[in-house]
Amino acid sequence: MIVSVNDFKSHSIVEHDDDDGYINNILSASEYSIAHDLGVTNLTGSYETAGPYSGSLAPDLKHAIYILAAQLYENREPVSPTRMVEVPYTLDYLINPYKVWSR
């Protein structure tokens, strides 16, 4: 996995270990979803950078994993119960690549 549970917890200011398993799952889903959206099977190799970040994932793509995972962590349902609106980057984002569109 590109982003560790501890790195995500630091990014999202999570100070307990209760959700570590859940966080691990959403990090995997986030990484896979972003790779799938880019049309690759995984993000390592194809999107590694040169220069100061040599051998690591491009910083903007790594941050995209943080953003998507944080969104999924904070909004565990596809609709916000307080505003009754769809939460971006949830259900549709995760399943749209698998939809079969017919004419």
N, C-alpha and C. Protein backbone atom coordinates (compact mmCIF):
# COMPACT_ATOMS: atom_id res chain seq x y z
N MET A 1 0.84 -1.17 0.00
CA MET A 1 0.00 0.00 0.00
C MET A 1 0.89 1.24 0.00
N ILE A 2 0.48 2.25 -0.72
CA ILE A 2 1.28 3.46 -0.88
C ILE A 2 1.24 4.34 0.36
N VAL A 3 0.06 4.56 0.91
CA VAL A 3 -0.11 5.39 2.10
C VAL A 3 -0.34 4.45 3.28
N SER A 4 0.45 4.60 4.31
CA SER A 4 0.28 3.74 5.48
C SER A 4 -0.87 4.25 6.36
N VAL A 5 -1.37 3.37 7.19
CA VAL A 5 -2.43 3.74 8.12
C VAL A 5 -1.95 4.87 9.03
N ASN A 6 -0.71 4.77 9.52
CA ASN A 6 -0.18 5.82 10.40
C ASN A 6 -0.04 7.16 9.69
N ASP A 7 0.39 7.15 8.43
CA ASP A 7 0.48 8.40 7.67
C ASP A 7 -0.90 9.02 7.47
N PHE A 8 -1.89 8.17 7.17
CA PHE A 8 -3.24 8.68 7.00
C PHE A 8 -3.77 9.26 8.31
N LYS A 9 -3.52 8.55 9.42
CA LYS A 9 -3.99 9.04 10.72
C LYS A 9 -3.36 10.38 11.06
N SER A 10 -2.11 10.56 10.72
CA SER A 10 -1.44 11.85 10.93
C SER A 10 -2.07 12.93 10.05
N HIS A 11 -2.31 12.59 8.79
CA HIS A 11 -2.92 13.54 7.84
C HIS A 11 -4.32 13.95 8.30
N SER A 12 -5.09 12.99 8.80
CA SER A 12 -6.49 13.23 9.14
C SER A 12 -6.71 13.50 10.63
N ILE A 13 -5.63 13.59 11.37
CA ILE A 13 -5.68 13.85 12.81
C ILE A 13 -6.57 12.84 13.53
N VAL A 14 -6.29 11.57 13.31
CA VAL A 14 -6.97 10.48 14.00
C VAL A 14 -6.03 10.03 15.10
N GLU A 15 -6.45 10.13 16.34
CA GLU A 15 -5.56 9.88 17.47
C GLU A 15 -5.85 8.58 18.22
N HIS A 16 -6.59 7.68 17.60
CA HIS A 16 -6.89 6.41 18.25
C HIS A 16 -6.66 5.28 17.25
N ASP A 17 -6.63 4.06 17.76
CA ASP A 17 -6.37 2.90 16.92
C ASP A 17 -7.63 2.11 16.60
N ASP A 18 -8.77 2.56 17.07
CA ASP A 18 -10.01 1.81 16.92
C ASP A 18 -10.39 1.55 15.47
N ASP A 19 -10.08 2.46 14.58
CA ASP A 19 -10.50 2.36 13.18
C ASP A 19 -9.40 1.88 12.24
N ASP A 20 -8.29 1.37 12.75
CA ASP A 20 -7.16 1.00 11.90
C ASP A 20 -7.55 0.03 10.78
N GLY A 21 -8.35 -0.97 11.10
CA GLY A 21 -8.78 -1.92 10.07
C GLY A 21 -9.62 -1.25 9.00
N TYR A 22 -10.53 -0.40 9.42
CA TYR A 22 -11.38 0.34 8.48
C TYR A 22 -10.54 1.28 7.62
N ILE A 23 -9.61 1.97 8.26
CA ILE A 23 -8.72 2.88 7.52
C ILE A 23 -7.91 2.11 6.49
N ASN A 24 -7.40 0.96 6.85
CA ASN A 24 -6.66 0.13 5.91
C ASN A 24 -7.52 -0.22 4.69
N ASN A 25 -8.79 -0.56 4.93
CA ASN A 25 -9.70 -0.89 3.83
C ASN A 25 -9.96 0.31 2.93
N ILE A 26 -10.18 1.48 3.50
CA ILE A 26 -10.47 2.64 2.64
C ILE A 26 -9.22 3.12 1.92
N LEU A 27 -8.05 2.93 2.52
CA LEU A 27 -6.82 3.26 1.79
C LEU A 27 -6.65 2.36 0.57
N SER A 28 -6.92 1.07 0.75
CA SER A 28 -6.85 0.14 -0.38
C SER A 28 -7.87 0.51 -1.46
N ALA A 29 -9.09 0.79 -1.05
CA ALA A 29 -10.13 1.18 -2.01
C ALA A 29 -9.77 2.47 -2.73
N SER A 30 -9.22 3.43 -2.01
CA SER A 30 -8.84 4.71 -2.60
C SER A 30 -7.72 4.53 -3.63
N GLU A 31 -6.71 3.79 -3.25
CA GLU A 31 -5.58 3.55 -4.16
C GLU A 31 -6.05 2.81 -5.41
N TYR A 32 -6.83 1.77 -5.22
CA TYR A 32 -7.32 0.99 -6.36
C TYR A 32 -8.24 1.82 -7.25
N SER A 33 -9.12 2.61 -6.64
CA SER A 33 -10.05 3.43 -7.42
C SER A 33 -9.33 4.48 -8.26
N ILE A 34 -8.33 5.11 -7.69
CA ILE A 34 -7.57 6.11 -8.43
C ILE A 34 -6.79 5.44 -9.56
N ALA A 35 -6.18 4.30 -9.29
CA ALA A 35 -5.46 3.57 -10.34
C ALA A 35 -6.42 3.18 -11.46
N HIS A 36 -7.59 2.66 -11.09
CA HIS A 36 -8.58 2.25 -12.08
C HIS A 36 -9.04 3.45 -12.91
N ASP A 37 -9.24 4.59 -12.26
CA ASP A 37 -9.65 5.80 -12.96
C ASP A 37 -8.59 6.25 -13.97
N LEU A 38 -7.33 6.00 -13.65
CA LEU A 38 -6.23 6.34 -14.55
C LEU A 38 -5.98 5.27 -15.61
N GLY A 39 -6.66 4.14 -15.49
CA GLY A 39 -6.53 3.08 -16.48
C GLY A 39 -5.33 2.18 -16.28
N VAL A 40 -4.84 2.08 -15.04
CA VAL A 40 -3.71 1.20 -14.74
C VAL A 40 -4.12 0.23 -13.64
N THR A 41 -3.35 -0.85 -13.48
CA THR A 41 -3.70 -1.82 -12.45
C THR A 41 -3.17 -1.42 -11.08
N ASN A 42 -2.09 -0.66 -11.05
CA ASN A 42 -1.61 -0.11 -9.78
C ASN A 42 -0.85 1.18 -10.05
N LEU A 43 -0.63 1.95 -9.01
CA LEU A 43 -0.01 3.27 -9.18
C LEU A 43 1.51 3.24 -9.12
N THR A 44 2.08 2.20 -8.55
CA THR A 44 3.54 2.15 -8.47
C THR A 44 4.12 1.77 -9.82
N GLY A 45 5.28 2.26 -10.09
CA GLY A 45 5.92 1.98 -11.37
C GLY A 45 5.53 3.01 -12.42
N SER A 46 4.28 3.03 -12.81
CA SER A 46 3.82 3.92 -13.87
C SER A 46 3.88 5.39 -13.49
N TYR A 47 3.68 5.69 -12.22
CA TYR A 47 3.58 7.08 -11.79
C TYR A 47 4.65 7.47 -10.80
N GLU A 48 5.77 6.77 -10.83
CA GLU A 48 6.89 7.16 -9.99
C GLU A 48 7.57 8.36 -10.63
N THR A 49 8.16 9.19 -9.81
CA THR A 49 8.71 10.45 -10.29
C THR A 49 10.23 10.41 -10.34
N ALA A 50 10.78 11.39 -11.03
CA ALA A 50 12.22 11.59 -11.08
C ALA A 50 12.56 12.77 -10.17
N GLY A 51 13.83 13.08 -10.04
CA GLY A 51 14.22 14.25 -9.27
C GLY A 51 14.11 14.02 -7.78
N PRO A 52 13.64 15.05 -7.05
CA PRO A 52 13.64 14.95 -5.58
C PRO A 52 12.71 13.86 -5.04
N TYR A 53 11.75 13.43 -5.83
CA TYR A 53 10.83 12.38 -5.39
C TYR A 53 11.13 11.05 -6.06
N SER A 54 12.32 10.90 -6.57
CA SER A 54 12.70 9.72 -7.34
C SER A 54 12.34 8.42 -6.63
N GLY A 55 11.70 7.53 -7.39
CA GLY A 55 11.35 6.23 -6.87
C GLY A 55 10.09 6.19 -6.04
N SER A 56 9.39 7.32 -5.93
CA SER A 56 8.15 7.32 -5.16
C SER A 56 7.01 7.83 -6.04
N LEU A 57 5.81 7.63 -5.58
CA LEU A 57 4.64 8.05 -6.32
C LEU A 57 4.62 9.57 -6.45
N ALA A 58 4.18 10.05 -7.60
CA ALA A 58 4.06 11.49 -7.81
C ALA A 58 3.30 12.10 -6.64
N PRO A 59 3.80 13.21 -6.07
CA PRO A 59 3.19 13.77 -4.86
C PRO A 59 1.71 14.13 -5.01
N ASP A 60 1.31 14.60 -6.18
CA ASP A 60 -0.10 14.96 -6.34
C ASP A 60 -1.00 13.73 -6.34
N LEU A 61 -0.51 12.60 -6.88
CA LEU A 61 -1.30 11.37 -6.84
C LEU A 61 -1.36 10.79 -5.43
N LYS A 62 -0.27 10.89 -4.70
CA LYS A 62 -0.28 10.43 -3.31
C LYS A 62 -1.27 11.26 -2.50
N HIS A 63 -1.29 12.56 -2.74
CA HIS A 63 -2.23 13.42 -2.02
C HIS A 63 -3.68 13.10 -2.42
N ALA A 64 -3.88 12.70 -3.67
CA ALA A 64 -5.22 12.29 -4.11
C ALA A 64 -5.71 11.10 -3.28
N ILE A 65 -4.81 10.18 -2.95
CA ILE A 65 -5.19 9.05 -2.11
C ILE A 65 -5.61 9.54 -0.73
N TYR A 66 -4.84 10.48 -0.15
CA TYR A 66 -5.21 11.05 1.13
C TYR A 66 -6.60 11.70 1.07
N ILE A 67 -6.84 12.48 0.03
CA ILE A 67 -8.12 13.20 -0.08
C ILE A 67 -9.29 12.24 -0.21
N LEU A 68 -9.17 11.27 -1.11
CA LEU A 68 -10.26 10.32 -1.30
C LEU A 68 -10.48 9.49 -0.04
N ALA A 69 -9.42 9.02 0.57
CA ALA A 69 -9.56 8.21 1.79
C ALA A 69 -10.17 9.04 2.92
N ALA A 70 -9.77 10.28 3.06
CA ALA A 70 -10.35 11.15 4.10
C ALA A 70 -11.83 11.37 3.86
N GLN A 71 -12.19 11.56 2.60
CA GLN A 71 -13.60 11.73 2.25
C GLN A 71 -14.40 10.48 2.63
N LEU A 72 -13.86 9.32 2.31
CA LEU A 72 -14.54 8.06 2.63
C LEU A 72 -14.58 7.81 4.14
N TYR A 73 -13.55 8.24 4.85
CA TYR A 73 -13.50 8.06 6.30
C TYR A 73 -14.53 8.95 7.00
N GLU A 74 -14.61 10.19 6.57
CA GLU A 74 -15.53 11.14 7.21
C GLU A 74 -16.98 10.95 6.79
N ASN A 75 -17.20 10.44 5.60
CA ASN A 75 -18.55 10.26 5.07
C ASN A 75 -18.74 8.79 4.74
N ARG A 76 -19.21 8.03 5.69
CA ARG A 76 -19.30 6.58 5.53
C ARG A 76 -20.54 6.13 4.79
N GLU A 77 -21.38 7.06 4.42
CA GLU A 77 -22.58 6.78 3.63
C GLU A 77 -22.55 7.64 2.38
N PRO A 78 -23.22 7.25 1.30
CA PRO A 78 -23.18 8.04 0.07
C PRO A 78 -23.99 9.34 0.13
N VAL A 79 -24.80 9.51 1.18
CA VAL A 79 -25.61 10.72 1.33
C VAL A 79 -25.37 11.29 2.71
N SER A 80 -25.20 12.60 2.77
CA SER A 80 -25.01 13.27 4.05
C SER A 80 -26.34 13.35 4.79
N PRO A 81 -26.43 12.81 6.00
CA PRO A 81 -27.70 12.84 6.73
C PRO A 81 -28.09 14.24 7.18
N THR A 82 -27.12 15.14 7.31
CA THR A 82 -27.46 16.48 7.77
C THR A 82 -27.94 17.38 6.65
N ARG A 83 -27.47 17.13 5.44
CA ARG A 83 -27.87 17.98 4.32
C ARG A 83 -28.70 17.24 3.29
N MET A 84 -28.77 15.91 3.38
CA MET A 84 -29.52 15.07 2.45
C MET A 84 -29.11 15.32 0.99
N VAL A 85 -27.82 15.47 0.79
CA VAL A 85 -27.26 15.59 -0.55
C VAL A 85 -26.21 14.52 -0.74
N GLU A 86 -25.97 14.19 -1.98
CA GLU A 86 -24.96 13.18 -2.28
C GLU A 86 -23.57 13.70 -1.94
N VAL A 87 -22.78 12.85 -1.32
CA VAL A 87 -21.40 13.20 -0.98
C VAL A 87 -20.51 12.88 -2.17
N PRO A 88 -19.71 13.85 -2.63
CA PRO A 88 -18.83 13.57 -3.76
C PRO A 88 -17.80 12.48 -3.43
N TYR A 89 -17.33 11.80 -4.45
CA TYR A 89 -16.29 10.77 -4.29
C TYR A 89 -16.73 9.61 -3.42
N THR A 90 -17.95 9.21 -3.52
CA THR A 90 -18.35 8.05 -2.73
C THR A 90 -18.82 6.95 -3.67
N LEU A 91 -20.04 6.55 -3.53
CA LEU A 91 -20.54 5.38 -4.24
C LEU A 91 -20.35 5.48 -5.76
N ASP A 92 -20.79 6.56 -6.37
CA ASP A 92 -20.67 6.68 -7.83
C ASP A 92 -19.23 6.61 -8.29
N TYR A 93 -18.35 7.31 -7.60
CA TYR A 93 -16.94 7.29 -8.00
C TYR A 93 -16.36 5.88 -7.94
N LEU A 94 -16.75 5.14 -6.92
CA LEU A 94 -16.18 3.81 -6.72
C LEU A 94 -16.74 2.77 -7.70
N ILE A 95 -17.99 2.93 -8.12
CA ILE A 95 -18.58 1.90 -8.98
C ILE A 95 -18.69 2.28 -10.45
N ASN A 96 -18.60 3.56 -10.79
CA ASN A 96 -18.75 3.96 -12.21
C ASN A 96 -17.80 3.25 -13.16
N PRO A 97 -16.55 3.01 -12.80
CA PRO A 97 -15.67 2.33 -13.75
C PRO A 97 -16.14 0.92 -14.11
N TYR A 98 -16.99 0.33 -13.33
CA TYR A 98 -17.46 -1.03 -13.57
C TYR A 98 -18.81 -1.12 -14.26
N LYS A 99 -19.45 0.02 -14.45
CA LYS A 99 -20.77 0.01 -15.07
C LYS A 99 -20.67 -0.37 -16.53
N VAL A 100 -21.66 -1.08 -16.99
CA VAL A 100 -21.76 -1.44 -18.41
C VAL A 100 -22.82 -0.51 -19.00
N TRP A 101 -22.38 0.34 -19.90
CA TRP A 101 -23.28 1.31 -20.52
C TRP A 101 -23.79 0.75 -21.82
N SER A 102 -25.09 0.72 -21.99
CA SER A 102 -25.65 0.23 -23.23
C SER A 102 -26.22 1.36 -24.05
N ARG A 103 -26.42 1.10 -25.32
CA ARG A 103 -26.94 2.15 -26.20
C ARG A 103 -28.43 2.13 -26.20
